[in-house]
């Protein structure tokens, strides 16, 4: 009887040992990666595959940390601008809609800001020589470090239509000849603009789906 009990005890001890090893060899469960996924960052504006790929390439990371994003404040500011009387002297302040850093790595950062602006032109002939233009919204263009996208937000009365300027700053250090980086930045700006237009209930924005096409001059 005593030998039978000893055999059962040894079997239980061996089972516990094997169970502990199955967690990864050190008895600890695998840790979840830190940071946000592309689908979670800034309200999920980059959840589509093409936008997620652009975000990962721009920040060279699979996970991200929020950097002082204020989406509610940015949207409230635009709503206020749509209800405020039009005045040439009014100068609204841009608000950071989305700020992201890589969860791990160097001092790279991405910022997207929103502000209501007046009617264009937004791109002069001199600047047009140094940027790539894209077919989305009213006008969109980008260098390898900075992109701008403008779209009209048509709202129901008593609010009035506004033009929203979406500005995106990418990480420093990319050569300005990097045309792929230009497209990545405008893809992210366009995705953010689409999310903002949906939140505000804008109509007839003219914003492209996915990756905006380059615009021939």
Protein backbone atom coordinates (compact mmCIF):
# COMPACT_ATOMS: atom_id res chain seq x y z
CA UNK A 1 0.00 0.00 0.00
CA UNK A 2 2.80 2.38 1.02
CA UNK A 3 4.69 1.72 -2.24
CA UNK A 4 1.52 2.39 -4.28
CA UNK A 5 1.07 5.78 -2.60
CA UNK A 6 4.70 6.64 -3.25
CA UNK A 7 4.24 5.83 -6.94
CA UNK A 8 1.19 8.10 -7.19
CA UNK A 9 3.07 10.93 -5.48
CA UNK A 10 5.98 10.62 -7.89
CA UNK A 11 3.62 10.69 -10.87
CA UNK A 12 1.92 13.88 -9.59
CA UNK A 13 5.27 15.55 -9.02
CA UNK A 14 6.38 14.72 -12.55
CA UNK A 15 3.10 16.11 -14.00
CA UNK A 16 3.57 19.38 -12.10
CA UNK A 17 7.13 19.66 -13.38
CA UNK A 18 6.06 19.12 -16.97
CA UNK A 19 3.24 21.67 -16.61
CA UNK A 20 5.66 24.28 -15.33
CA UNK A 21 8.04 23.69 -18.23
CA UNK A 22 5.28 24.14 -20.80
CA UNK A 23 5.08 27.91 -20.05
CA UNK A 24 8.37 28.51 -21.81
CA UNK A 25 11.02 26.65 -19.88
CA UNK A 26 11.34 29.07 -16.96
CA UNK A 27 7.94 28.57 -15.37
CA UNK A 28 6.66 32.00 -16.48
CA UNK A 29 3.88 32.63 -18.96
CA UNK A 30 4.77 34.42 -22.21
CA UNK A 31 4.48 38.20 -21.90
CA UNK A 32 2.15 40.19 -24.15
CA UNK A 33 4.00 42.70 -26.38
CA UNK A 34 3.87 46.22 -24.99
CA UNK A 35 2.16 49.09 -26.77
CA UNK A 36 -0.78 49.54 -29.12
CA UNK A 37 -1.35 47.74 -32.40
CA UNK A 38 -2.02 49.75 -35.55
CA UNK A 39 -5.72 48.88 -35.19
CA UNK A 40 -5.76 50.33 -31.66
CA UNK A 41 -3.69 53.48 -32.17
CA UNK A 42 -5.53 56.83 -32.16
CA UNK A 43 -9.01 55.35 -32.27
CA UNK A 44 -8.17 52.81 -34.97
CA UNK A 45 -7.63 55.21 -37.88
CA UNK A 46 -4.95 52.85 -39.24
CA UNK A 47 -6.94 49.63 -38.96
CA UNK A 48 -7.10 49.06 -42.74
CA UNK A 49 -4.24 46.93 -44.04
CA UNK A 50 -2.74 49.58 -46.35
CA UNK A 51 -2.81 52.22 -43.61
CA UNK A 52 -1.43 49.83 -40.99
CA UNK A 53 1.45 48.97 -43.32
CA UNK A 54 2.17 52.69 -43.82
CA UNK A 55 2.17 53.34 -40.06
CA UNK A 56 4.51 50.44 -39.33
CA UNK A 57 6.90 51.56 -42.07
CA UNK A 58 6.91 55.22 -40.99
CA UNK A 59 7.70 54.42 -37.35
CA UNK A 60 9.63 51.21 -38.06
CA UNK A 61 7.65 49.38 -35.38
CA UNK A 62 4.82 46.89 -34.93
CA UNK A 63 3.64 48.52 -31.66
CA UNK A 64 3.10 52.13 -30.67
CA UNK A 65 2.83 54.45 -27.68
CA UNK A 66 0.40 57.36 -27.58
CA UNK A 67 2.06 60.77 -27.42
CA UNK A 68 -0.38 63.40 -26.10
CA UNK A 69 -3.19 62.70 -28.56
CA UNK A 70 -6.26 64.89 -28.02
CA UNK A 71 -8.86 63.63 -30.48
CA UNK A 72 -11.89 64.87 -28.53
CA UNK A 73 -10.42 68.36 -28.19
CA UNK A 74 -9.56 68.46 -31.90
CA UNK A 75 -13.08 67.42 -32.91
CA UNK A 76 -14.72 69.85 -30.49
CA UNK A 77 -12.61 72.67 -31.91
CA UNK A 78 -13.78 71.87 -35.44
CA UNK A 79 -17.40 71.67 -34.32
CA UNK A 80 -17.02 75.06 -32.68
CA UNK A 81 -15.50 76.52 -35.84
CA UNK A 82 -18.44 75.23 -37.88
CA UNK A 83 -20.86 77.14 -35.63
CA UNK A 84 -18.81 80.32 -35.18
CA UNK A 85 -19.48 83.41 -37.35
CA UNK A 86 -17.11 83.71 -40.27
CA UNK A 87 -14.45 86.36 -39.70
CA UNK A 88 -11.28 87.03 -41.64
CA UNK A 89 -9.47 87.97 -38.44
CA UNK A 90 -10.25 84.66 -36.70
CA UNK A 91 -7.16 82.46 -36.33
CA UNK A 92 -8.05 79.02 -34.88
CA UNK A 93 -5.26 76.98 -33.31
CA UNK A 94 -4.28 73.53 -34.56
CA UNK A 95 -4.88 70.67 -32.12
CA UNK A 96 -2.97 67.41 -31.99
CA UNK A 97 -5.45 64.76 -33.08
CA UNK A 98 -2.94 61.91 -32.97
CA UNK A 99 0.59 61.56 -31.64
CA UNK A 100 2.48 58.27 -31.79
CA UNK A 101 5.93 56.96 -30.91
CA UNK A 102 7.29 53.45 -31.49
CA UNK A 103 6.86 51.26 -28.40
CA UNK A 104 10.55 50.44 -28.63
CA UNK A 105 13.40 52.08 -30.47
CA UNK A 106 14.80 55.51 -31.14
CA UNK A 107 13.33 59.02 -30.90
CA UNK A 108 10.98 58.71 -33.86
CA UNK A 109 7.59 60.35 -33.73
CA UNK A 110 4.45 60.97 -35.76
CA UNK A 111 2.02 63.86 -35.28
CA UNK A 112 -1.31 64.63 -36.95
CA UNK A 113 -2.93 68.00 -36.26
CA UNK A 114 -6.29 69.47 -37.29
CA UNK A 115 -7.47 73.02 -37.78
CA UNK A 116 -10.18 74.85 -39.72
CA UNK A 117 -8.75 77.16 -42.37
CA UNK A 118 -10.00 79.57 -45.00
CA UNK A 119 -10.25 79.06 -48.72
CA UNK A 120 -7.04 78.40 -50.64
CA UNK A 121 -4.88 78.38 -52.57
CA UNK A 122 -2.93 76.09 -50.26
CA UNK A 123 -0.03 75.20 -52.57
CA UNK A 124 1.88 77.85 -54.46
CA UNK A 125 3.83 77.17 -57.63
CA UNK A 126 7.21 77.34 -55.88
CA UNK A 127 6.32 74.82 -53.17
CA UNK A 128 4.71 72.53 -55.76
CA UNK A 129 8.16 71.85 -57.23
CA UNK A 130 9.40 70.22 -54.01
CA UNK A 131 6.41 68.05 -53.03
CA UNK A 132 4.24 65.28 -54.46
CA UNK A 133 0.54 66.05 -54.96
CA UNK A 134 -2.20 63.48 -54.42
CA UNK A 135 -5.79 63.05 -55.60
CA UNK A 136 -7.82 63.24 -52.42
CA UNK A 137 -9.94 65.92 -50.74
CA UNK A 138 -9.59 69.48 -51.99
CA UNK A 139 -5.82 69.27 -52.15
CA UNK A 140 -3.09 67.07 -50.70
CA UNK A 141 0.69 67.15 -50.95
CA UNK A 142 3.69 65.86 -49.05
CA UNK A 143 7.44 65.90 -48.71
CA UNK A 144 9.26 63.08 -46.89
CA UNK A 145 8.84 64.84 -43.56
CA UNK A 146 5.64 66.89 -43.77
CA UNK A 147 2.30 66.40 -45.48
CA UNK A 148 -0.88 68.47 -45.72
CA UNK A 149 -4.37 67.47 -46.76
CA UNK A 150 -7.39 69.77 -47.10
CA UNK A 151 -11.00 68.68 -47.30
CA UNK A 152 -14.36 70.41 -47.12
CA UNK A 153 -16.62 69.33 -44.29
CA UNK A 154 -20.22 70.05 -45.27
CA UNK A 155 -22.45 70.11 -42.20
CA UNK A 156 -26.14 70.58 -41.61
CA UNK A 157 -27.49 74.01 -40.62
CA UNK A 158 -27.11 75.94 -38.40
CA UNK A 159 -23.48 74.89 -38.75
CA UNK A 160 -21.67 76.06 -41.87
CA UNK A 161 -19.15 74.34 -44.12
CA UNK A 162 -15.52 74.43 -43.06
CA UNK A 163 -12.25 73.46 -44.70
CA UNK A 164 -10.20 71.15 -42.49
CA UNK A 165 -6.42 71.20 -42.76
CA UNK A 166 -4.87 67.88 -41.75
CA UNK A 167 -1.13 68.25 -41.15
CA UNK A 168 1.16 65.28 -40.60
CA UNK A 169 4.76 65.38 -39.38
CA UNK A 170 6.83 62.27 -39.90
CA UNK A 171 10.10 61.24 -38.22
CA UNK A 172 13.16 63.29 -39.10
CA UNK A 173 16.03 61.84 -41.08
CA UNK A 174 14.34 60.65 -44.25
CA UNK A 175 15.90 62.04 -47.43
CA UNK A 176 13.45 64.25 -49.26
CA UNK A 177 13.92 62.11 -52.36
CA UNK A 178 12.14 59.24 -50.55
CA UNK A 179 8.95 59.22 -52.61
CA UNK A 180 7.58 56.15 -50.82
CA UNK A 181 7.75 58.01 -47.50
CA UNK A 182 5.75 60.86 -49.02
CA UNK A 183 3.00 58.43 -50.01
CA UNK A 184 3.03 56.78 -46.59
CA UNK A 185 2.55 60.11 -44.84
CA UNK A 186 -0.32 61.21 -47.08
CA UNK A 187 -1.92 57.76 -46.69
CA UNK A 188 -1.93 58.24 -42.91
CA UNK A 189 -3.20 61.82 -43.18
CA UNK A 190 -5.97 60.65 -45.50
CA UNK A 191 -6.99 57.85 -43.13
CA UNK A 192 -7.11 60.30 -40.21
CA UNK A 193 -9.13 62.75 -42.30
CA UNK A 194 -11.63 60.02 -43.21
CA UNK A 195 -12.02 59.10 -39.54
CA UNK A 196 -12.51 62.75 -38.58
CA UNK A 197 -15.07 63.32 -41.34
CA UNK A 198 -17.04 60.31 -40.13
CA UNK A 199 -16.95 61.58 -36.53
CA UNK A 200 -18.17 65.03 -37.58
CA UNK A 201 -20.74 63.76 -40.06
CA UNK A 202 -19.20 65.56 -43.04
CA UNK A 203 -20.65 65.05 -46.50
CA UNK A 204 -19.01 65.23 -49.95
CA UNK A 205 -15.41 65.28 -48.66
CA UNK A 206 -13.86 63.82 -51.80
CA UNK A 207 -11.45 61.80 -49.65
CA UNK A 208 -9.96 58.75 -51.33
CA UNK A 209 -10.11 55.22 -49.99
CA UNK A 210 -6.89 53.44 -49.11
CA UNK A 211 -3.71 54.84 -50.66
CA UNK A 212 -4.35 58.12 -52.54
CA UNK A 213 -3.10 58.18 -56.11
CA UNK A 214 -0.40 60.63 -57.13
CA UNK A 215 -1.73 63.58 -59.06
CA UNK A 216 -0.25 64.55 -62.37
CA UNK A 217 0.72 68.18 -62.65
